[in-house]
């Protein structure tokens, strides 16, 4: 991914309704959702949702396909993974830096 594409994707996600919409589509998986279901689940007016879907599609983060008489929106998982890879490329100078999650009891921490 190039800088320009990353900026466009991040700008599209830098708005609460679009971020919620994208996360919902990621949760829906490859089956995607139709706009009426997205609007109902997120409480977004259909006219506003249309604008947000257009912005996410322009950024390449979602795709749309005709499903009978309606349009099905699906998260573009390769674009999402490309953005994540772009953001973490050369993380920590090539050294492993992923935080290790240790349960509190294994770390010797006890609750009082």
PDB file of N, CA and C in Angstrom:
ATOM      1  N   UNK A   1       0.849  -1.176   0.000  1.00  0.00           N
ATOM      2  CA  UNK A   1       0.000   0.000   0.000  1.00  0.00           C
ATOM      3  C   UNK A   1       0.893   1.238   0.000  1.00  0.00           C
ATOM      4  N   UNK A   2       0.450   2.241  -0.717  1.00  0.00           N
ATOM      5  CA  UNK A   2       1.203   3.495  -0.782  1.00  0.00           C
ATOM      6  C   UNK A   2       0.635   4.492   0.229  1.00  0.00           C
ATOM      7  N   UNK A   3       1.430   5.508   0.528  1.00  0.00           N
ATOM      8  CA  UNK A   3       1.015   6.530   1.492  1.00  0.00           C
ATOM      9  C   UNK A   3      -0.345   7.127   1.152  1.00  0.00           C
ATOM     10  N   UNK A   4      -0.552   7.477  -0.123  1.00  0.00           N
ATOM     11  CA  UNK A   4      -1.794   8.131  -0.533  1.00  0.00           C
ATOM     12  C   UNK A   4      -3.004   7.243  -0.258  1.00  0.00           C
ATOM     13  N   UNK A   5      -2.896   5.956  -0.578  1.00  0.00           N
ATOM     14  CA  UNK A   5      -4.000   5.024  -0.328  1.00  0.00           C
ATOM     15  C   UNK A   5      -4.261   4.877   1.165  1.00  0.00           C
ATOM     16  N   UNK A   6      -3.201   4.838   1.960  1.00  0.00           N
ATOM     17  CA  UNK A   6      -3.352   4.722   3.408  1.00  0.00           C
ATOM     18  C   UNK A   6      -4.045   5.956   3.982  1.00  0.00           C
ATOM     19  N   UNK A   7      -3.674   7.127   3.504  1.00  0.00           N
ATOM     20  CA  UNK A   7      -4.289   8.369   3.990  1.00  0.00           C
ATOM     21  C   UNK A   7      -5.778   8.388   3.645  1.00  0.00           C
ATOM     22  N   UNK A   8      -6.131   7.967   2.450  1.00  0.00           N
ATOM     23  CA  UNK A   8      -7.542   7.942   2.045  1.00  0.00           C
ATOM     24  C   UNK A   8      -8.327   6.965   2.923  1.00  0.00           C
ATOM     25  N   UNK A   9      -7.756   5.783   3.171  1.00  0.00           N
ATOM     26  CA  UNK A   9      -8.436   4.785   4.009  1.00  0.00           C
ATOM     27  C   UNK A   9      -8.581   5.276   5.441  1.00  0.00           C
ATOM     28  N   UNK A  10      -7.523   5.840   5.981  1.00  0.00           N
ATOM     29  CA  UNK A  10      -7.584   6.333   7.358  1.00  0.00           C
ATOM     30  C   UNK A  10      -8.556   7.510   7.482  1.00  0.00           C
ATOM     31  N   UNK A  11      -8.600   8.366   6.478  1.00  0.00           N
ATOM     32  CA  UNK A  11      -9.539   9.496   6.496  1.00  0.00           C
ATOM     33  C   UNK A  11     -10.981   8.985   6.468  1.00  0.00           C
ATOM     34  N   UNK A  12     -11.224   7.943   5.704  1.00  0.00           N
ATOM     35  CA  UNK A  12     -12.579   7.383   5.648  1.00  0.00           C
ATOM     36  C   UNK A  12     -12.984   6.804   7.000  1.00  0.00           C
ATOM     37  N   UNK A  13     -12.040   6.218   7.711  1.00  0.00           N
ATOM     38  CA  UNK A  13     -12.331   5.609   9.012  1.00  0.00           C
ATOM     39  C   UNK A  13     -12.343   6.623  10.152  1.00  0.00           C
ATOM     40  N   UNK A  14     -11.914   7.848   9.873  1.00  0.00           N
ATOM     41  CA  UNK A  14     -11.796   8.869  10.916  1.00  0.00           C
ATOM     42  C   UNK A  14     -13.109   9.613  11.147  1.00  0.00           C
ATOM     43  N   UNK A  15     -14.211   8.910  11.018  1.00  0.00           N
ATOM     44  CA  UNK A  15     -15.535   9.464  11.265  1.00  0.00           C
ATOM     45  C   UNK A  15     -16.340   8.359  11.945  1.00  0.00           C
ATOM     46  N   UNK A  16     -17.000   8.674  13.031  1.00  0.00           N
ATOM     47  CA  UNK A  16     -17.628   7.666  13.885  1.00  0.00           C
ATOM     48  C   UNK A  16     -18.598   6.737  13.155  1.00  0.00           C
ATOM     49  N   UNK A  17     -19.496   7.281  12.350  1.00  0.00           N
ATOM     50  CA  UNK A  17     -20.478   6.436  11.654  1.00  0.00           C
ATOM     51  C   UNK A  17     -19.807   5.516  10.650  1.00  0.00           C
ATOM     52  N   UNK A  18     -18.795   6.027   9.940  1.00  0.00           N
ATOM     53  CA  UNK A  18     -18.096   5.179   8.971  1.00  0.00           C
ATOM     54  C   UNK A  18     -17.293   4.097   9.673  1.00  0.00           C
ATOM     55  N   UNK A  19     -16.667   4.439  10.782  1.00  0.00           N
ATOM     56  CA  UNK A  19     -15.917   3.441  11.543  1.00  0.00           C
ATOM     57  C   UNK A  19     -16.864   2.350  12.050  1.00  0.00           C
ATOM     58  N   UNK A  20     -18.012   2.743  12.589  1.00  0.00           N
ATOM     59  CA  UNK A  20     -18.997   1.768  13.062  1.00  0.00           C
ATOM     60  C   UNK A  20     -19.493   0.892  11.916  1.00  0.00           C
ATOM     61  N   UNK A  21     -19.741   1.500  10.779  1.00  0.00           N
ATOM     62  CA  UNK A  21     -20.224   0.760   9.611  1.00  0.00           C
ATOM     63  C   UNK A  21     -19.179  -0.246   9.152  1.00  0.00           C
ATOM     64  N   UNK A  22     -17.937   0.192   9.060  1.00  0.00           N
ATOM     65  CA  UNK A  22     -16.870  -0.710   8.618  1.00  0.00           C
ATOM     66  C   UNK A  22     -16.711  -1.865   9.605  1.00  0.00           C
ATOM     67  N   UNK A  23     -16.704  -1.576  10.886  1.00  0.00           N
ATOM     68  CA  UNK A  23     -16.551  -2.629  11.893  1.00  0.00           C
ATOM     69  C   UNK A  23     -17.717  -3.613  11.832  1.00  0.00           C
ATOM     70  N   UNK A  24     -18.931  -3.116  11.602  1.00  0.00           N
ATOM     71  CA  UNK A  24     -20.088  -3.993  11.470  1.00  0.00           C
ATOM     72  C   UNK A  24     -19.940  -4.908  10.257  1.00  0.00           C
ATOM     73  N   UNK A  25     -19.467  -4.352   9.143  1.00  0.00           N
ATOM     74  CA  UNK A  25     -19.270  -5.166   7.943  1.00  0.00           C
ATOM     75  C   UNK A  25     -18.155  -6.190   8.143  1.00  0.00           C
ATOM     76  N   UNK A  26     -17.124  -5.839   8.891  1.00  0.00           N
ATOM     77  CA  UNK A  26     -16.066  -6.803   9.205  1.00  0.00           C
ATOM     78  C   UNK A  26     -16.662  -7.943  10.026  1.00  0.00           C
ATOM     79  N   UNK A  27     -17.494  -7.609  11.002  1.00  0.00           N
ATOM     80  CA  UNK A  27     -18.137  -8.629  11.836  1.00  0.00           C
ATOM     81  C   UNK A  27     -19.071  -9.517  11.016  1.00  0.00           C
ATOM     82  N   UNK A  28     -19.711  -8.936  10.010  1.00  0.00           N
ATOM     83  CA  UNK A  28     -20.643  -9.699   9.169  1.00  0.00           C
ATOM     84  C   UNK A  28     -19.912 -10.709   8.297  1.00  0.00           C
ATOM     85  N   UNK A  29     -18.638 -10.480   8.048  1.00  0.00           N
ATOM     86  CA  UNK A  29     -17.856 -11.410   7.239  1.00  0.00           C
ATOM     87  C   UNK A  29     -18.168 -11.300   5.759  1.00  0.00           C
ATOM     88  N   UNK A  30     -17.797 -12.315   5.005  1.00  0.00           N
ATOM     89  CA  UNK A  30     -17.961 -12.258   3.545  1.00  0.00           C
ATOM     90  C   UNK A  30     -19.417 -12.257   3.079  1.00  0.00           C
ATOM     91  N   UNK A  31     -20.353 -12.550   3.975  1.00  0.00           N
ATOM     92  CA  UNK A  31     -21.769 -12.508   3.600  1.00  0.00           C
ATOM     93  C   UNK A  31     -22.256 -11.081   3.443  1.00  0.00           C
ATOM     94  N   UNK A  32     -21.622 -10.138   4.138  1.00  0.00           N
ATOM     95  CA  UNK A  32     -21.976  -8.729   4.041  1.00  0.00           C
ATOM     96  C   UNK A  32     -23.360  -8.421   4.577  1.00  0.00           C
ATOM     97  N   UNK A  33     -23.801  -7.201   4.344  1.00  0.00           N
ATOM     98  CA  UNK A  33     -25.112  -6.739   4.802  1.00  0.00           C
ATOM     99  C   UNK A  33     -25.721  -5.788   3.777  1.00  0.00           C
ATOM    100  N   UNK A  34     -27.032  -5.745   3.760  1.00  0.00           N
ATOM    101  CA  UNK A  34     -27.727  -4.769   2.927  1.00  0.00           C
ATOM    102  C   UNK A  34     -27.873  -3.482   3.733  1.00  0.00           C
ATOM    103  N   UNK A  35     -27.998  -2.350   3.065  1.00  0.00           N
ATOM    104  CA  UNK A  35     -28.061  -1.065   3.766  1.00  0.00           C
ATOM    105  C   UNK A  35     -29.149  -0.973   4.828  1.00  0.00           C
ATOM    106  N   UNK A  36     -30.306  -1.567   4.596  1.00  0.00           N
ATOM    107  CA  UNK A  36     -31.372  -1.465   5.599  1.00  0.00           C
ATOM    108  C   UNK A  36     -30.961  -2.126   6.919  1.00  0.00           C
ATOM    109  N   UNK A  37     -30.259  -3.245   6.847  1.00  0.00           N
ATOM    110  CA  UNK A  37     -29.802  -3.902   8.073  1.00  0.00           C
ATOM    111  C   UNK A  37     -28.720  -3.078   8.769  1.00  0.00           C
ATOM    112  N   UNK A  38     -27.828  -2.480   7.976  1.00  0.00           N
ATOM    113  CA  UNK A  38     -26.782  -1.636   8.563  1.00  0.00           C
ATOM    114  C   UNK A  38     -27.421  -0.455   9.281  1.00  0.00           C
ATOM    115  N   UNK A  39     -28.351   0.216   8.602  1.00  0.00           N
ATOM    116  CA  UNK A  39     -29.014   1.393   9.170  1.00  0.00           C
ATOM    117  C   UNK A  39     -29.759   1.037  10.453  1.00  0.00           C
ATOM    118  N   UNK A  40     -30.464  -0.095  10.458  1.00  0.00           N
ATOM    119  CA  UNK A  40     -31.211  -0.516  11.646  1.00  0.00           C
ATOM    120  C   UNK A  40     -30.279  -0.814  12.815  1.00  0.00           C
ATOM    121  N   UNK A  41     -29.213  -1.555  12.553  1.00  0.00           N
ATOM    122  CA  UNK A  41     -28.302  -1.954  13.628  1.00  0.00           C
ATOM    123  C   UNK A  41     -27.541  -0.781  14.225  1.00  0.00           C
ATOM    124  N   UNK A  42     -27.216   0.204  13.392  1.00  0.00           N
ATOM    125  CA  UNK A  42     -26.412   1.323  13.874  1.00  0.00           C
ATOM    126  C   UNK A  42     -27.234   2.572  14.179  1.00  0.00           C
ATOM    127  N   UNK A  43     -28.491   2.564  13.808  1.00  0.00           N
ATOM    128  CA  UNK A  43     -29.331   3.736  14.053  1.00  0.00           C
ATOM    129  C   UNK A  43     -28.921   4.928  13.216  1.00  0.00           C
ATOM    130  N   UNK A  44     -28.540   4.672  11.974  1.00  0.00           N
ATOM    131  CA  UNK A  44     -28.120   5.736  11.056  1.00  0.00           C
ATOM    132  C   UNK A  44     -29.219   5.931  10.020  1.00  0.00           C
ATOM    133  N   UNK A  45     -29.560   7.174   9.743  1.00  0.00           N
ATOM    134  CA  UNK A  45     -30.565   7.469   8.720  1.00  0.00           C
ATOM    135  C   UNK A  45     -30.079   6.961   7.365  1.00  0.00           C
ATOM    136  N   UNK A  46     -30.971   6.376   6.580  1.00  0.00           N
ATOM    137  CA  UNK A  46     -30.563   5.829   5.276  1.00  0.00           C
ATOM    138  C   UNK A  46     -29.837   6.827   4.378  1.00  0.00           C
ATOM    139  N   UNK A  47     -30.256   8.092   4.389  1.00  0.00           N
ATOM    140  CA  UNK A  47     -29.584   9.086   3.542  1.00  0.00           C
ATOM    141  C   UNK A  47     -28.151   9.321   4.005  1.00  0.00           C
ATOM    142  N   UNK A  48     -27.930   9.360   5.314  1.00  0.00           N
ATOM    143  CA  UNK A  48     -26.572   9.515   5.842  1.00  0.00           C
ATOM    144  C   UNK A  48     -25.744   8.269   5.572  1.00  0.00           C
ATOM    145  N   UNK A  49     -26.363   7.101   5.751  1.00  0.00           N
ATOM    146  CA  UNK A  49     -25.643   5.852   5.528  1.00  0.00           C
ATOM    147  C   UNK A  49     -25.155   5.751   4.085  1.00  0.00           C
ATOM    148  N   UNK A  50     -25.972   6.179   3.158  1.00  0.00           N
ATOM    149  CA  UNK A  50     -25.590   6.149   1.745  1.00  0.00           C
ATOM    150  C   UNK A  50     -24.304   6.938   1.512  1.00  0.00           C
ATOM    151  N   UNK A  51     -24.220   8.107   2.112  1.00  0.00           N
ATOM    152  CA  UNK A  51     -23.019   8.942   2.000  1.00  0.00           C
ATOM    153  C   UNK A  51     -21.808   8.220   2.598  1.00  0.00           C
ATOM    154  N   UNK A  52     -21.976   7.627   3.783  1.00  0.00           N
ATOM    155  CA  UNK A  52     -20.868   6.952   4.455  1.00  0.00           C
ATOM    156  C   UNK A  52     -20.407   5.714   3.674  1.00  0.00           C
ATOM    157  N   UNK A  53     -21.350   4.965   3.116  1.00  0.00           N
ATOM    158  CA  UNK A  53     -20.988   3.798   2.308  1.00  0.00           C
ATOM    159  C   UNK A  53     -20.199   4.228   1.071  1.00  0.00           C
ATOM    160  N   UNK A  54     -20.602   5.344   0.475  1.00  0.00           N
ATOM    161  CA  UNK A  54     -19.886   5.857  -0.697  1.00  0.00           C
ATOM    162  C   UNK A  54     -18.444   6.209  -0.335  1.00  0.00           C
ATOM    163  N   UNK A  55     -18.253   6.834   0.820  1.00  0.00           N
ATOM    164  CA  UNK A  55     -16.902   7.204   1.251  1.00  0.00           C
ATOM    165  C   UNK A  55     -16.038   5.972   1.528  1.00  0.00           C
ATOM    166  N   UNK A  56     -16.612   4.965   2.171  1.00  0.00           N
ATOM    167  CA  UNK A  56     -15.863   3.738   2.443  1.00  0.00           C
ATOM    168  C   UNK A  56     -15.529   3.004   1.150  1.00  0.00           C
ATOM    169  N   UNK A  57     -16.453   3.010   0.203  1.00  0.00           N
ATOM    170  CA  UNK A  57     -16.196   2.369  -1.093  1.00  0.00           C
ATOM    171  C   UNK A  57     -15.110   3.123  -1.857  1.00  0.00           C
ATOM    172  N   UNK A  58     -15.167   4.455  -1.822  1.00  0.00           N
ATOM    173  CA  UNK A  58     -14.151   5.275  -2.490  1.00  0.00           C
ATOM    174  C   UNK A  58     -12.756   4.975  -1.928  1.00  0.00           C
ATOM    175  N   UNK A  59     -12.685   4.714  -0.630  1.00  0.00           N
ATOM    176  CA  UNK A  59     -11.407   4.400   0.015  1.00  0.00           C
ATOM    177  C   UNK A  59     -10.979   2.960  -0.252  1.00  0.00           C
ATOM    178  N   UNK A  60     -11.849   2.173  -0.866  1.00  0.00           N
ATOM    179  CA  UNK A  60     -11.514   0.784  -1.169  1.00  0.00           C
ATOM    180  C   UNK A  60     -11.680  -0.154   0.012  1.00  0.00           C
ATOM    181  N   UNK A  61     -12.326   0.325   1.077  1.00  0.00           N
ATOM    182  CA  UNK A  61     -12.476  -0.495   2.283  1.00  0.00           C
ATOM    183  C   UNK A  61     -13.681  -1.423   2.231  1.00  0.00           C
ATOM    184  N   UNK A  62     -14.641  -1.127   1.353  1.00  0.00           N
ATOM    185  CA  UNK A  62     -15.797  -2.002   1.181  1.00  0.00           C
ATOM    186  C   UNK A  62     -16.070  -2.162  -0.307  1.00  0.00           C
ATOM    187  N   UNK A  63     -16.785  -3.226  -0.630  1.00  0.00           N
ATOM    188  CA  UNK A  63     -17.232  -3.444  -1.997  1.00  0.00           C
ATOM    189  C   UNK A  63     -18.747  -3.602  -1.965  1.00  0.00           C
ATOM    190  N   UNK A  64     -19.352  -3.434  -3.108  1.00  0.00           N
ATOM    191  CA  UNK A  64     -20.792  -3.623  -3.206  1.00  0.00           C
ATOM    192  C   UNK A  64     -21.078  -4.528  -4.389  1.00  0.00           C
ATOM    193  N   UNK A  65     -22.126  -5.312  -4.236  1.00  0.00           N
ATOM    194  CA  UNK A  65     -22.551  -6.178  -5.327  1.00  0.00           C
ATOM    195  C   UNK A  65     -24.067  -6.260  -5.324  1.00  0.00           C
ATOM    196  N   UNK A  66     -24.612  -6.399  -6.496  1.00  0.00           N
ATOM    197  CA  UNK A  66     -26.060  -6.495  -6.642  1.00  0.00           C
ATOM    198  C   UNK A  66     -26.514  -7.840  -6.075  1.00  0.00           C
ATOM    199  N   UNK A  67     -27.534  -7.796  -5.247  1.00  0.00           N
ATOM    200  CA  UNK A  67     -28.101  -9.002  -4.653  1.00  0.00           C
ATOM    201  C   UNK A  67     -29.608  -8.946  -4.873  1.00  0.00           C
ATOM    202  N   UNK A  68     -30.037  -9.441  -6.014  1.00  0.00           N
ATOM    203  CA  UNK A  68     -31.456  -9.320  -6.363  1.00  0.00           C
ATOM    204  C   UNK A  68     -31.791  -7.873  -6.623  1.00  0.00           C
ATOM    205  N   UNK A  69     -32.726  -7.344  -5.852  1.00  0.00           N
ATOM    206  CA  UNK A  69     -33.139  -5.948  -6.025  1.00  0.00           C
ATOM    207  C   UNK A  69     -32.423  -5.007  -5.070  1.00  0.00           C
ATOM    208  N   UNK A  70     -31.554  -5.531  -4.238  1.00  0.00           N
ATOM    209  CA  UNK A  70     -30.830  -4.662  -3.304  1.00  0.00           C
ATOM    210  C   UNK A  70     -29.323  -4.784  -3.533  1.00  0.00           C
ATOM    211  N   UNK A  71     -28.594  -3.973  -2.812  1.00  0.00           N
ATOM    212  CA  UNK A  71     -27.141  -3.964  -2.912  1.00  0.00           C
ATOM    213  C   UNK A  71     -26.573  -4.527  -1.621  1.00  0.00           C
ATOM    214  N   UNK A  72     -25.620  -5.418  -1.758  1.00  0.00           N
ATOM    215  CA  UNK A  72     -24.965  -6.036  -0.618  1.00  0.00           C
ATOM    216  C   UNK A  72     -23.598  -5.388  -0.444  1.00  0.00           C
ATOM    217  N   UNK A  73     -23.300  -4.930   0.765  1.00  0.00           N
ATOM    218  CA  UNK A  73     -22.008  -4.320   1.064  1.00  0.00           C
ATOM    219  C   UNK A  73     -21.170  -5.297   1.884  1.00  0.00           C
ATOM    220  N   UNK A  74     -19.895  -5.417   1.501  1.00  0.00           N
ATOM    221  CA  UNK A  74     -18.981  -6.370   2.127  1.00  0.00           C
ATOM    222  C   UNK A  74     -17.665  -5.658   2.421  1.00  0.00           C
ATOM    223  N   UNK A  75     -17.094  -5.929   3.583  1.00  0.00           N
ATOM    224  CA  UNK A  75     -15.775  -5.385   3.909  1.00  0.00           C
ATOM    225  C   UNK A  75     -14.750  -5.958   2.938  1.00  0.00           C
ATOM    226  N   UNK A  76     -13.831  -5.120   2.505  1.00  0.00           N
ATOM    227  CA  UNK A  76     -12.735  -5.557   1.639  1.00  0.00           C
ATOM    228  C   UNK A  76     -11.587  -5.979   2.560  1.00  0.00           C
ATOM    229  N   UNK A  77     -11.537  -7.267   2.862  1.00  0.00           N
ATOM    230  CA  UNK A  77     -10.575  -7.767   3.833  1.00  0.00           C
ATOM    231  C   UNK A  77      -9.132  -7.638   3.345  1.00  0.00           C
ATOM    232  N   UNK A  78      -8.906  -7.737   2.057  1.00  0.00           N
ATOM    233  CA  UNK A  78      -7.529  -7.575   1.571  1.00  0.00           C
ATOM    234  C   UNK A  78      -7.066  -6.124   1.739  1.00  0.00           C
ATOM    235  N   UNK A  79      -7.974  -5.160   1.545  1.00  0.00           N
ATOM    236  CA  UNK A  79      -7.616  -3.752   1.771  1.00  0.00           C
ATOM    237  C   UNK A  79      -7.372  -3.505   3.258  1.00  0.00           C
ATOM    238  N   UNK A  80      -8.217  -4.093   4.115  1.00  0.00           N
ATOM    239  CA  UNK A  80      -8.041  -3.935   5.552  1.00  0.00           C
ATOM    240  C   UNK A  80      -6.692  -4.520   5.987  1.00  0.00           C
ATOM    241  N   UNK A  81      -6.391  -5.710   5.528  1.00  0.00           N
ATOM    242  CA  UNK A  81      -5.123  -6.336   5.892  1.00  0.00           C
ATOM    243  C   UNK A  81      -3.936  -5.574   5.311  1.00  0.00           C
ATOM    244  N   UNK A  82      -4.112  -4.999   4.116  1.00  0.00           N
ATOM    245  CA  UNK A  82      -3.058  -4.178   3.533  1.00  0.00           C
ATOM    246  C   UNK A  82      -2.787  -2.932   4.355  1.00  0.00           C
ATOM    247  N   UNK A  83      -3.840  -2.318   4.867  1.00  0.00           N
ATOM    248  CA  UNK A  83      -3.686  -1.131   5.707  1.00  0.00           C
ATOM    249  C   UNK A  83      -2.987  -1.495   7.015  1.00  0.00           C
ATOM    250  N   UNK A  84      -3.378  -2.599   7.613  1.00  0.00           N
ATOM    251  CA  UNK A  84      -2.728  -3.040   8.849  1.00  0.00           C
ATOM    252  C   UNK A  84      -1.259  -3.343   8.593  1.00  0.00           C
ATOM    253  N   UNK A  85      -0.966  -4.018   7.488  1.00  0.00           N
ATOM    254  CA  UNK A  85       0.430  -4.325   7.151  1.00  0.00           C
ATOM    255  C   UNK A  85       1.218  -3.044   6.922  1.00  0.00           C
ATOM    256  N   UNK A  86       0.613  -2.076   6.249  1.00  0.00           N
ATOM    257  CA  UNK A  86       1.270  -0.796   6.004  1.00  0.00           C
ATOM    258  C   UNK A  86       1.606  -0.103   7.320  1.00  0.00           C
ATOM    259  N   UNK A  87       0.645  -0.099   8.247  1.00  0.00           N
ATOM    260  CA  UNK A  87       0.846   0.580   9.525  1.00  0.00           C
ATOM    261  C   UNK A  87       1.892  -0.104  10.406  1.00  0.00           C
ATOM    262  N   UNK A  88       2.044  -1.391  10.247  1.00  0.00           N
ATOM    263  CA  UNK A  88       2.973  -2.127  11.112  1.00  0.00           C
ATOM    264  C   UNK A  88       4.263  -2.522  10.407  1.00  0.00           C
ATOM    265  N   UNK A  89       4.423  -2.101   9.159  1.00  0.00           N
ATOM    266  CA  UNK A  89       5.641  -2.415   8.408  1.00  0.00           C
ATOM    267  C   UNK A  89       6.857  -1.852   9.148  1.00  0.00           C
ATOM    268  N   UNK A  90       7.875  -2.670   9.276  1.00  0.00           N
ATOM    269  CA  UNK A  90       9.112  -2.294   9.960  1.00  0.00           C
ATOM    270  C   UNK A  90       8.889  -1.895  11.410  1.00  0.00           C
ATOM    271  N   UNK A  91       7.876  -2.472  12.017  1.00  0.00           N
ATOM    272  CA  UNK A  91       7.577  -2.183  13.422  1.00  0.00           C
ATOM    273  C   UNK A  91       8.781  -2.522  14.285  1.00  0.00           C
ATOM    274  N   UNK A  92       9.134  -1.625  15.161  1.00  0.00           N
ATOM    275  CA  UNK A  92      10.229  -1.820  16.129  1.00  0.00           C
ATOM    276  C   UNK A  92      11.559  -2.148  15.445  1.00  0.00           C
ATOM    277  N   UNK A  93      11.778  -1.566  14.300  1.00  0.00           N
ATOM    278  CA  UNK A  93      13.050  -1.770  13.598  1.00  0.00           C
ATOM    279  C   UNK A  93      13.305  -3.213  13.211  1.00  0.00           C
ATOM    280  N   UNK A  94      12.253  -3.979  12.992  1.00  0.00           N
ATOM    281  CA  UNK A  94      12.410  -5.371  12.600  1.00  0.00           C
ATOM    282  C   UNK A  94      12.514  -6.329  13.774  1.00  0.00           C
ATOM    283  N   UNK A  95      12.536  -5.806  14.990  1.00  0.00           N
ATOM    284  CA  UNK A  95      12.600  -6.659  16.174  1.00  0.00           C
ATOM    285  C   UNK A  95      11.186  -7.019  16.611  1.00  0.00           C
ATOM    286  N   UNK A  96      11.012  -8.215  17.177  1.00  0.00           N
ATOM    287  CA  UNK A  96       9.672  -8.571  17.664  1.00  0.00           C
ATOM    288  C   UNK A  96       9.216  -7.575  18.731  1.00  0.00           C
ATOM    289  N   UNK A  97       8.035  -7.042  18.559  1.00  0.00           N
ATOM    290  CA  UNK A  97       7.558  -6.046  19.514  1.00  0.00           C
ATOM    291  C   UNK A  97       6.110  -6.251  19.902  1.00  0.00           C
ATOM    292  N   UNK A  98       5.520  -7.347  19.471  1.00  0.00           N
ATOM    293  CA  UNK A  98       4.134  -7.600  19.813  1.00  0.00           C
ATOM    294  C   UNK A  98       4.026  -7.792  21.315  1.00  0.00           C
ATOM    295  N   UNK A  99       3.156  -7.048  21.950  1.00  0.00           N
ATOM    296  CA  UNK A  99       3.009  -7.210  23.398  1.00  0.00           C
ATOM    297  C   UNK A  99       2.566  -8.635  23.732  1.00  0.00           C
ATOM    298  N   UNK A 100       3.126  -9.173  24.777  1.00  0.00           N
ATOM    299  CA  UNK A 100       2.761 -10.505  25.224  1.00  0.00           C
ATOM    300  C   UNK A 100       1.744 -10.362  26.340  1.00  0.00           C
ATOM    301  N   UNK A 101       0.612 -10.983  26.169  1.00  0.00           N
ATOM    302  CA  UNK A 101      -0.430 -10.918  27.172  1.00  0.00           C
ATOM    303  C   UNK A 101      -0.216 -12.049  28.175  1.00  0.00           C
ATOM    304  N   UNK A 102      -0.020 -11.679  29.410  1.00  0.00           N
ATOM    305  CA  UNK A 102       0.186 -12.654  30.472  1.00  0.00           C
ATOM    306  C   UNK A 102      -0.950 -12.515  31.465  1.00  0.00           C
ATOM    307  N   UNK A 103      -1.707 -13.601  31.707  1.00  0.00           N
ATOM    308  CA  UNK A 103      -2.779 -13.506  32.705  1.00  0.00           C
ATOM    309  C   UNK A 103      -2.214 -13.070  34.055  1.00  0.00           C
ATOM    310  N   UNK A 104      -2.980 -12.296  34.793  1.00  0.00           N
ATOM    311  CA  UNK A 104      -2.527 -11.754  36.070  1.00  0.00           C
ATOM    312  C   UNK A 104      -2.042 -12.854  37.018  1.00  0.00           C
ATOM    313  N   UNK A 105      -2.743 -14.008  37.062  1.00  0.00           N
ATOM    314  CA  UNK A 105      -2.339 -15.061  37.996  1.00  0.00           C
ATOM    315  C   UNK A 105      -1.000 -15.667  37.592  1.00  0.00           C
ATOM    316  N   UNK A 106      -0.686 -15.736  36.296  1.00  0.00           N
ATOM    317  CA  UNK A 106       0.593 -16.285  35.855  1.00  0.00           C
ATOM    318  C   UNK A 106       1.735 -15.323  36.144  1.00  0.00           C
ATOM    319  N   UNK A 107       1.426 -14.034  36.267  1.00  0.00           N
ATOM    320  CA  UNK A 107       2.454 -13.045  36.535  1.00  0.00           C
ATOM    321  C   UNK A 107       2.675 -12.858  38.037  1.00  0.00           C
ATOM    322  N   UNK A 108       1.966 -13.632  38.841  1.00  0.00           N
ATOM    323  CA  UNK A 108       2.124 -13.527  40.287  1.00  0.00           C
ATOM    324  C   UNK A 108       1.308 -12.415  40.903  1.00  0.00           C
ATOM    325  N   UNK A 109       0.354 -11.873  40.186  1.00  0.00           N
ATOM    326  CA  UNK A 109      -0.480 -10.801  40.705  1.00  0.00           C
ATOM    327  C   UNK A 109      -1.734 -11.445  41.287  1.00  0.00           C
ATOM    328  N   UNK A 110      -2.052 -11.082  42.479  1.00  0.00           N
ATOM    329  CA  UNK A 110      -3.267 -11.606  43.110  1.00  0.00           C
ATOM    330  C   UNK A 110      -4.175 -10.449  43.477  1.00  0.00           C
ATOM    331  N   UNK A 111      -5.448 -10.718  43.478  1.00  0.00           N
ATOM    332  CA  UNK A 111      -6.387  -9.663  43.871  1.00  0.00           C
ATOM    333  C   UNK A 111      -6.598  -9.723  45.360  1.00  0.00           C
ATOM    334  N   UNK A 112      -6.836  -8.575  45.961  1.00  0.00           N
ATOM    335  CA  UNK A 112      -7.020  -8.501  47.422  1.00  0.00           C
ATOM    336  C   UNK A 112      -8.462  -8.325  47.761  1.00  0.00           C
TER     337      UNK A 112
END
